[in-house]
């Protein structure tokens, strides 16, 4: 498991990059884990700075996209303690902006390590 000490290997990070809507993206909870924060902190930061996150930077998954992704990554179902809302995903510009609004050294370090291209 990854933590905020940047012990994530390149293969761990790469395994959390998905192609959705022809974009390479990462789930909000995976980014939270990398940044060493809770997912709700990411969501609060995005809401406070929503004008910095256009749909070209992040978007909320549709039900079918989430169901498909859950099958790929083995996420628990909604009935058994899983996510109650459809998650957001961030592309490279989105998590770069997220690094800026989180204002933490860990976020900046993570941003420098991740390359979705």
Protein backbone atom coordinates (compact mmCIF):
# COMPACT_ATOMS: atom_id res chain seq x y z
CA UNK A 1 0.00 0.00 0.00
CA UNK A 2 1.19 3.50 -0.80
CA UNK A 3 1.72 6.20 1.77
CA UNK A 4 2.70 9.83 1.96
CA UNK A 5 6.40 8.94 2.25
CA UNK A 6 6.52 8.36 -1.50
CA UNK A 7 7.20 4.63 -1.13
CA UNK A 8 4.97 3.96 -4.11
CA UNK A 9 6.71 2.21 -6.92
CA UNK A 10 6.24 3.26 -10.50
CA UNK A 11 4.33 0.04 -11.17
CA UNK A 12 1.96 0.76 -8.23
CA UNK A 13 1.24 4.20 -9.62
CA UNK A 14 0.88 2.93 -13.17
CA UNK A 15 -1.56 0.25 -12.02
CA UNK A 16 -3.83 3.05 -10.77
CA UNK A 17 -3.97 4.92 -14.06
CA UNK A 18 -7.06 4.12 -16.12
CA UNK A 19 -8.24 5.18 -19.55
CA UNK A 20 -11.76 6.59 -19.38
CA UNK A 21 -13.37 8.75 -22.07
CA UNK A 22 -10.10 8.53 -24.02
CA UNK A 23 -8.21 10.19 -21.14
CA UNK A 24 -5.74 8.72 -18.72
CA UNK A 25 -7.03 9.42 -15.23
CA UNK A 26 -6.65 8.49 -11.58
CA UNK A 27 -9.43 8.00 -9.04
CA UNK A 28 -9.86 10.52 -6.25
CA UNK A 29 -9.21 7.92 -3.55
CA UNK A 30 -5.99 6.76 -5.22
CA UNK A 31 -4.75 10.35 -5.40
CA UNK A 32 -5.74 10.89 -1.76
CA UNK A 33 -3.67 7.87 -0.79
CA UNK A 34 -0.69 9.15 -2.77
CA UNK A 35 -1.03 12.64 -1.29
CA UNK A 36 -1.39 11.28 2.24
CA UNK A 37 -4.81 12.87 2.78
CA UNK A 38 -8.38 11.62 3.07
CA UNK A 39 -10.59 11.59 -0.02
CA UNK A 40 -12.93 14.06 1.67
CA UNK A 41 -10.05 16.56 1.91
CA UNK A 42 -9.59 16.32 -1.86
CA UNK A 43 -13.32 16.80 -2.40
CA UNK A 44 -13.40 19.83 -0.08
CA UNK A 45 -10.39 21.40 -1.82
CA UNK A 46 -12.01 20.90 -5.22
CA UNK A 47 -15.33 22.41 -4.04
CA UNK A 48 -13.54 25.44 -2.60
CA UNK A 49 -11.68 25.93 -5.89
CA UNK A 50 -14.22 24.58 -8.39
CA UNK A 51 -13.42 27.18 -11.06
CA UNK A 52 -9.91 25.69 -11.25
CA UNK A 53 -11.30 22.26 -12.15
CA UNK A 54 -13.12 22.31 -15.48
CA UNK A 55 -14.42 19.03 -16.91
CA UNK A 56 -11.27 18.83 -19.01
CA UNK A 57 -9.31 18.40 -15.72
CA UNK A 58 -11.69 16.16 -13.76
CA UNK A 59 -15.12 14.63 -14.03
CA UNK A 60 -17.47 12.40 -12.10
CA UNK A 61 -17.81 8.88 -13.43
CA UNK A 62 -21.11 7.71 -14.85
CA UNK A 63 -22.69 4.61 -13.33
CA UNK A 64 -21.66 2.33 -16.22
CA UNK A 65 -18.08 3.65 -16.12
CA UNK A 66 -17.85 3.04 -12.37
CA UNK A 67 -19.31 -0.47 -12.66
CA UNK A 68 -16.80 -1.32 -15.40
CA UNK A 69 -13.92 0.11 -13.39
CA UNK A 70 -14.96 -1.74 -10.22
CA UNK A 71 -14.77 -4.99 -12.16
CA UNK A 72 -11.24 -4.10 -13.28
CA UNK A 73 -9.90 -3.14 -9.86
CA UNK A 74 -11.99 -5.34 -7.56
CA UNK A 75 -13.55 -2.50 -5.53
CA UNK A 76 -16.24 -3.55 -3.07
CA UNK A 77 -19.84 -3.13 -4.06
CA UNK A 78 -21.99 -0.26 -2.83
CA UNK A 79 -24.04 -2.67 -0.70
CA UNK A 80 -20.98 -3.78 1.29
CA UNK A 81 -19.45 -0.55 2.54
CA UNK A 82 -18.14 0.76 -0.78
CA UNK A 83 -18.50 4.29 -2.15
CA UNK A 84 -21.94 5.82 -1.79
CA UNK A 85 -21.38 8.40 -4.54
CA UNK A 86 -19.89 8.05 -7.97
CA UNK A 87 -16.21 8.95 -7.71
CA UNK A 88 -14.36 11.73 -9.46
CA UNK A 89 -11.33 11.12 -11.64
CA UNK A 90 -8.52 13.52 -12.46
CA UNK A 91 -6.33 13.71 -15.53
CA UNK A 92 -2.77 15.06 -15.45
CA UNK A 93 -3.86 18.71 -15.49
CA UNK A 94 -6.41 17.95 -12.78
CA UNK A 95 -4.00 16.42 -10.36
CA UNK A 96 -1.46 19.15 -11.09
CA UNK A 97 -4.11 21.66 -10.05
CA UNK A 98 -5.01 19.48 -7.08
CA UNK A 99 -1.36 19.58 -5.98
CA UNK A 100 -1.54 23.38 -6.08
CA UNK A 101 -4.75 23.71 -4.07
CA UNK A 102 -3.73 21.14 -1.44
CA UNK A 103 -0.61 23.22 -0.70
CA UNK A 104 1.41 20.42 0.82
CA UNK A 105 4.97 19.34 0.18
CA UNK A 106 3.78 15.76 -0.31
CA UNK A 107 1.33 16.87 -3.00
CA UNK A 108 4.07 18.69 -4.88
CA UNK A 109 6.42 15.71 -4.61
CA UNK A 110 3.73 13.34 -5.86
CA UNK A 111 2.92 15.65 -8.76
CA UNK A 112 6.55 15.59 -9.81
CA UNK A 113 6.56 11.78 -9.78
CA UNK A 114 3.38 11.08 -11.77
CA UNK A 115 3.29 11.27 -15.54
CA UNK A 116 0.18 10.01 -17.31
CA UNK A 117 1.56 10.39 -20.82
